[in-house]
N, C-alpha and C. Protein backbone atom coordinates (compact mmCIF):
# COMPACT_ATOMS: atom_id res chain seq x y z
N MET A 1 0.84 -1.17 0.00
CA MET A 1 0.00 0.00 0.00
C MET A 1 0.89 1.24 0.00
N ASP A 2 0.56 2.22 -0.82
CA ASP A 2 1.32 3.45 -0.94
C ASP A 2 0.81 4.47 0.07
N HIS A 3 1.37 4.41 1.30
CA HIS A 3 0.91 5.32 2.35
C HIS A 3 1.25 6.77 2.02
N ALA A 4 2.40 7.00 1.38
CA ALA A 4 2.80 8.37 1.04
C ALA A 4 1.79 8.97 0.06
N GLY A 5 1.37 8.19 -0.93
CA GLY A 5 0.37 8.67 -1.89
C GLY A 5 -0.97 8.94 -1.22
N ASN A 6 -1.34 8.06 -0.29
CA ASN A 6 -2.57 8.24 0.47
C ASN A 6 -2.49 9.52 1.30
N ASP A 7 -1.36 9.73 1.95
CA ASP A 7 -1.17 10.95 2.76
C ASP A 7 -1.26 12.20 1.89
N ARG A 8 -0.62 12.18 0.72
CA ARG A 8 -0.68 13.33 -0.18
C ARG A 8 -2.11 13.59 -0.63
N GLY A 9 -2.83 12.52 -0.92
CA GLY A 9 -4.23 12.67 -1.35
C GLY A 9 -5.09 13.29 -0.26
N TYR A 10 -4.93 12.81 0.96
CA TYR A 10 -5.71 13.37 2.07
C TYR A 10 -5.31 14.82 2.35
N CYS A 11 -4.03 15.14 2.22
CA CYS A 11 -3.60 16.54 2.42
C CYS A 11 -4.25 17.44 1.37
N ALA A 12 -4.30 16.98 0.13
CA ALA A 12 -4.94 17.77 -0.93
C ALA A 12 -6.44 17.93 -0.66
N LEU A 13 -7.08 16.85 -0.22
CA LEU A 13 -8.51 16.93 0.11
C LEU A 13 -8.74 17.87 1.30
N HIS A 14 -7.83 17.83 2.27
CA HIS A 14 -7.95 18.72 3.43
C HIS A 14 -7.81 20.19 3.01
N LYS A 15 -6.83 20.47 2.17
CA LYS A 15 -6.63 21.85 1.70
C LYS A 15 -7.85 22.34 0.92
N ALA A 16 -8.53 21.42 0.24
CA ALA A 16 -9.74 21.77 -0.51
C ALA A 16 -10.98 21.84 0.38
N GLY A 17 -10.81 21.51 1.68
CA GLY A 17 -11.92 21.59 2.62
C GLY A 17 -12.80 20.36 2.68
N HIS A 18 -12.30 19.21 2.18
CA HIS A 18 -13.12 18.00 2.14
C HIS A 18 -12.72 16.93 3.16
N ALA A 19 -11.43 16.79 3.45
CA ALA A 19 -10.97 15.78 4.41
C ALA A 19 -10.95 16.38 5.81
N HIS A 20 -11.46 15.62 6.77
CA HIS A 20 -11.58 16.11 8.14
C HIS A 20 -11.18 15.00 9.12
N SER A 21 -10.71 15.42 10.29
CA SER A 21 -10.42 14.46 11.35
C SER A 21 -11.03 14.96 12.65
N VAL A 22 -11.34 14.02 13.52
CA VAL A 22 -11.82 14.33 14.86
C VAL A 22 -10.88 13.59 15.81
N GLU A 23 -10.26 14.32 16.70
CA GLU A 23 -9.29 13.73 17.64
C GLU A 23 -9.81 13.83 19.06
N VAL A 24 -9.53 12.81 19.84
CA VAL A 24 -9.87 12.80 21.26
C VAL A 24 -8.54 12.73 22.02
N TRP A 25 -8.34 13.72 22.89
CA TRP A 25 -7.10 13.81 23.66
C TRP A 25 -7.38 13.57 25.13
N LEU A 26 -6.49 12.87 25.77
CA LEU A 26 -6.53 12.66 27.22
C LEU A 26 -5.26 13.31 27.76
N GLY A 27 -5.41 14.54 28.24
CA GLY A 27 -4.22 15.31 28.60
C GLY A 27 -3.43 15.63 27.34
N ASN A 28 -2.16 15.26 27.32
CA ASN A 28 -1.30 15.48 26.15
C ASN A 28 -1.20 14.25 25.27
N GLU A 29 -2.02 13.24 25.53
CA GLU A 29 -1.95 11.97 24.81
C GLU A 29 -3.14 11.82 23.87
N LEU A 30 -2.85 11.52 22.59
CA LEU A 30 -3.91 11.24 21.63
C LEU A 30 -4.56 9.91 22.00
N ALA A 31 -5.85 9.94 22.35
CA ALA A 31 -6.55 8.75 22.84
C ALA A 31 -7.28 8.00 21.74
N GLY A 32 -7.68 8.70 20.68
CA GLY A 32 -8.40 8.06 19.60
C GLY A 32 -8.97 9.10 18.66
N GLY A 33 -9.67 8.62 17.66
CA GLY A 33 -10.28 9.55 16.72
C GLY A 33 -10.76 8.86 15.46
N LEU A 34 -11.03 9.70 14.46
CA LEU A 34 -11.49 9.19 13.17
C LEU A 34 -11.18 10.22 12.11
N TYR A 35 -11.21 9.78 10.85
CA TYR A 35 -11.06 10.72 9.75
C TYR A 35 -11.85 10.24 8.56
N GLY A 36 -12.14 11.17 7.65
CA GLY A 36 -12.90 10.84 6.47
C GLY A 36 -13.06 12.05 5.57
N VAL A 37 -13.96 11.92 4.60
CA VAL A 37 -14.14 12.93 3.57
C VAL A 37 -15.61 13.34 3.53
N ALA A 38 -15.84 14.65 3.49
CA ALA A 38 -17.18 15.19 3.34
C ALA A 38 -17.46 15.38 1.85
N VAL A 39 -18.58 14.80 1.41
CA VAL A 39 -19.01 14.93 0.01
C VAL A 39 -20.45 15.41 0.04
N GLY A 40 -20.66 16.65 -0.34
CA GLY A 40 -22.00 17.21 -0.27
C GLY A 40 -22.51 17.16 1.16
N LYS A 41 -23.66 16.54 1.37
CA LYS A 41 -24.25 16.45 2.71
C LYS A 41 -24.00 15.08 3.34
N CYS A 42 -22.94 14.40 2.90
CA CYS A 42 -22.58 13.09 3.43
C CYS A 42 -21.13 13.12 3.91
N PHE A 43 -20.88 12.51 5.06
CA PHE A 43 -19.51 12.34 5.55
C PHE A 43 -19.16 10.87 5.36
N CYS A 44 -18.13 10.59 4.58
CA CYS A 44 -17.68 9.21 4.33
C CYS A 44 -16.48 8.92 5.22
N GLY A 45 -16.71 8.14 6.26
CA GLY A 45 -15.64 7.80 7.19
C GLY A 45 -14.66 6.84 6.57
N GLU A 46 -13.38 7.08 6.78
CA GLU A 46 -12.34 6.21 6.26
C GLU A 46 -11.80 5.28 7.34
N SER A 47 -11.54 5.83 8.52
CA SER A 47 -10.93 5.01 9.56
C SER A 47 -11.22 5.58 10.95
N MET A 48 -11.34 4.69 11.91
CA MET A 48 -11.46 5.05 13.32
C MET A 48 -10.35 4.31 14.06
N PHE A 49 -9.79 4.94 15.08
CA PHE A 49 -8.76 4.26 15.87
C PHE A 49 -8.92 4.64 17.34
N THR A 50 -8.45 3.77 18.20
CA THR A 50 -8.53 4.04 19.64
C THR A 50 -7.30 3.48 20.34
N LYS A 51 -6.76 4.28 21.22
CA LYS A 51 -5.68 3.84 22.11
C LYS A 51 -6.23 3.68 23.52
N VAL A 52 -7.31 4.41 23.82
CA VAL A 52 -7.99 4.36 25.11
C VAL A 52 -9.41 3.87 24.84
N SER A 53 -9.88 2.93 25.63
CA SER A 53 -11.20 2.32 25.42
C SER A 53 -12.28 3.37 25.13
N ASN A 54 -13.00 3.17 24.03
CA ASN A 54 -14.14 3.98 23.60
C ASN A 54 -13.80 5.38 23.10
N ALA A 55 -12.53 5.72 22.97
CA ALA A 55 -12.17 7.06 22.50
C ALA A 55 -12.69 7.33 21.09
N SER A 56 -12.66 6.32 20.22
CA SER A 56 -13.16 6.54 18.85
C SER A 56 -14.67 6.77 18.87
N LYS A 57 -15.37 6.16 19.82
CA LYS A 57 -16.82 6.38 19.94
C LYS A 57 -17.11 7.81 20.39
N VAL A 58 -16.28 8.34 21.26
CA VAL A 58 -16.42 9.73 21.68
C VAL A 58 -16.23 10.64 20.47
N ALA A 59 -15.25 10.32 19.62
CA ALA A 59 -15.01 11.10 18.41
C ALA A 59 -16.22 11.03 17.48
N LEU A 60 -16.83 9.86 17.35
CA LEU A 60 -18.00 9.71 16.48
C LEU A 60 -19.17 10.55 17.00
N VAL A 61 -19.40 10.55 18.31
CA VAL A 61 -20.47 11.38 18.89
C VAL A 61 -20.20 12.86 18.61
N ALA A 62 -18.95 13.30 18.78
CA ALA A 62 -18.60 14.69 18.51
C ALA A 62 -18.82 15.03 17.04
N LEU A 63 -18.47 14.09 16.15
CA LEU A 63 -18.68 14.31 14.72
C LEU A 63 -20.17 14.45 14.41
N VAL A 64 -20.99 13.57 14.94
CA VAL A 64 -22.44 13.64 14.70
C VAL A 64 -22.99 14.98 15.17
N GLU A 65 -22.59 15.42 16.35
CA GLU A 65 -23.08 16.70 16.87
C GLU A 65 -22.66 17.86 15.96
N LYS A 66 -21.43 17.84 15.47
CA LYS A 66 -20.95 18.89 14.57
C LYS A 66 -21.71 18.85 13.24
N LEU A 67 -21.90 17.65 12.68
CA LEU A 67 -22.56 17.53 11.38
C LEU A 67 -24.03 17.94 11.45
N LYS A 68 -24.66 17.76 12.62
CA LYS A 68 -26.05 18.21 12.77
C LYS A 68 -26.16 19.71 12.55
N THR A 69 -25.14 20.46 12.95
CA THR A 69 -25.18 21.92 12.80
C THR A 69 -24.87 22.34 11.36
N GLN A 70 -24.41 21.40 10.53
CA GLN A 70 -24.02 21.73 9.16
C GLN A 70 -24.95 21.11 8.13
N ASP A 71 -26.14 20.69 8.56
CA ASP A 71 -27.15 20.17 7.65
C ASP A 71 -26.71 18.90 6.92
N CYS A 72 -25.85 18.10 7.56
CA CYS A 72 -25.40 16.84 6.99
C CYS A 72 -26.53 15.82 7.10
N LEU A 73 -26.69 14.99 6.09
CA LEU A 73 -27.79 14.02 6.08
C LEU A 73 -27.37 12.61 6.48
N MET A 74 -26.08 12.25 6.28
CA MET A 74 -25.70 10.86 6.50
C MET A 74 -24.20 10.75 6.78
N ILE A 75 -23.84 9.75 7.59
CA ILE A 75 -22.45 9.35 7.77
C ILE A 75 -22.33 7.93 7.25
N ASP A 76 -21.40 7.73 6.34
CA ASP A 76 -21.15 6.40 5.78
C ASP A 76 -19.83 5.92 6.36
N GLN A 77 -19.86 4.88 7.21
CA GLN A 77 -18.66 4.37 7.85
C GLN A 77 -18.54 2.88 7.55
N PRO A 78 -17.85 2.52 6.45
CA PRO A 78 -17.69 1.10 6.14
C PRO A 78 -16.99 0.36 7.28
N GLY A 79 -17.24 -0.93 7.36
CA GLY A 79 -16.67 -1.75 8.42
C GLY A 79 -15.22 -2.13 8.21
N SER A 80 -14.68 -1.89 7.02
CA SER A 80 -13.27 -2.21 6.76
C SER A 80 -12.78 -1.31 5.64
N HIS A 81 -11.51 -1.48 5.29
CA HIS A 81 -10.94 -0.67 4.21
C HIS A 81 -11.28 -1.22 2.83
N ARG A 82 -11.87 -2.40 2.78
CA ARG A 82 -12.24 -2.95 1.48
C ARG A 82 -13.49 -2.26 0.97
N PRO A 83 -13.68 -2.22 -0.35
CA PRO A 83 -14.89 -1.58 -0.88
C PRO A 83 -16.16 -2.23 -0.35
N PRO A 84 -17.24 -1.45 -0.19
CA PRO A 84 -18.50 -2.02 0.29
C PRO A 84 -18.92 -3.24 -0.53
N GLY A 85 -19.38 -4.25 0.16
CA GLY A 85 -19.85 -5.45 -0.51
C GLY A 85 -18.77 -6.51 -0.68
N THR A 86 -17.49 -6.16 -0.44
CA THR A 86 -16.42 -7.14 -0.63
C THR A 86 -15.88 -7.67 0.69
N ASN A 87 -16.48 -7.28 1.79
CA ASN A 87 -15.95 -7.70 3.09
C ASN A 87 -16.83 -8.75 3.77
N GLY A 88 -17.63 -9.45 2.97
CA GLY A 88 -18.45 -10.50 3.53
C GLY A 88 -19.80 -10.03 4.02
N ARG A 89 -20.06 -8.74 3.95
CA ARG A 89 -21.37 -8.22 4.35
C ARG A 89 -21.98 -7.49 3.16
N PRO A 90 -23.27 -7.67 2.94
CA PRO A 90 -23.92 -6.94 1.86
C PRO A 90 -23.82 -5.43 2.09
N ARG A 91 -23.78 -4.67 1.01
CA ARG A 91 -23.64 -3.22 1.09
C ARG A 91 -24.70 -2.60 2.00
N ASP A 92 -25.94 -3.09 1.97
CA ASP A 92 -27.00 -2.46 2.74
C ASP A 92 -26.90 -2.75 4.24
N THR A 93 -25.97 -3.61 4.68
CA THR A 93 -25.81 -3.85 6.12
C THR A 93 -24.64 -3.05 6.70
N GLN A 94 -23.91 -2.32 5.85
CA GLN A 94 -22.83 -1.49 6.36
C GLN A 94 -23.44 -0.32 7.11
N ARG A 95 -22.67 0.29 7.99
CA ARG A 95 -23.20 1.35 8.85
C ARG A 95 -23.43 2.63 8.07
N ARG A 96 -24.66 3.07 8.02
CA ARG A 96 -25.01 4.37 7.49
C ARG A 96 -25.85 5.04 8.55
N ILE A 97 -25.36 6.11 9.07
CA ILE A 97 -26.00 6.76 10.22
C ILE A 97 -26.69 8.01 9.74
N PRO A 98 -28.03 8.04 9.76
CA PRO A 98 -28.69 9.30 9.43
C PRO A 98 -28.41 10.32 10.51
N VAL A 99 -28.13 11.53 10.10
CA VAL A 99 -27.79 12.58 11.06
C VAL A 99 -29.02 13.42 11.32
């Protein structure tokens, strides 16, 4: 996997105002978070991570609260990095959270 290319792509999307991250800090320690891309009124989550139990869930709640103020209609958070439908679950069972 070309992580450098992925990083450059996300930096370009961030500069264009489309890529976003939500971080949860415990003191000076990064506890967890998530990142993804906003497309129109949908936020497409790419990845969630946690170093402290439930920190990524705290980030998701913060994201939902923020998106409610921005007229977002849906959060699409696939269960893995594989394309929807290729991870053993039908596309319609992947997590789509109406906001």
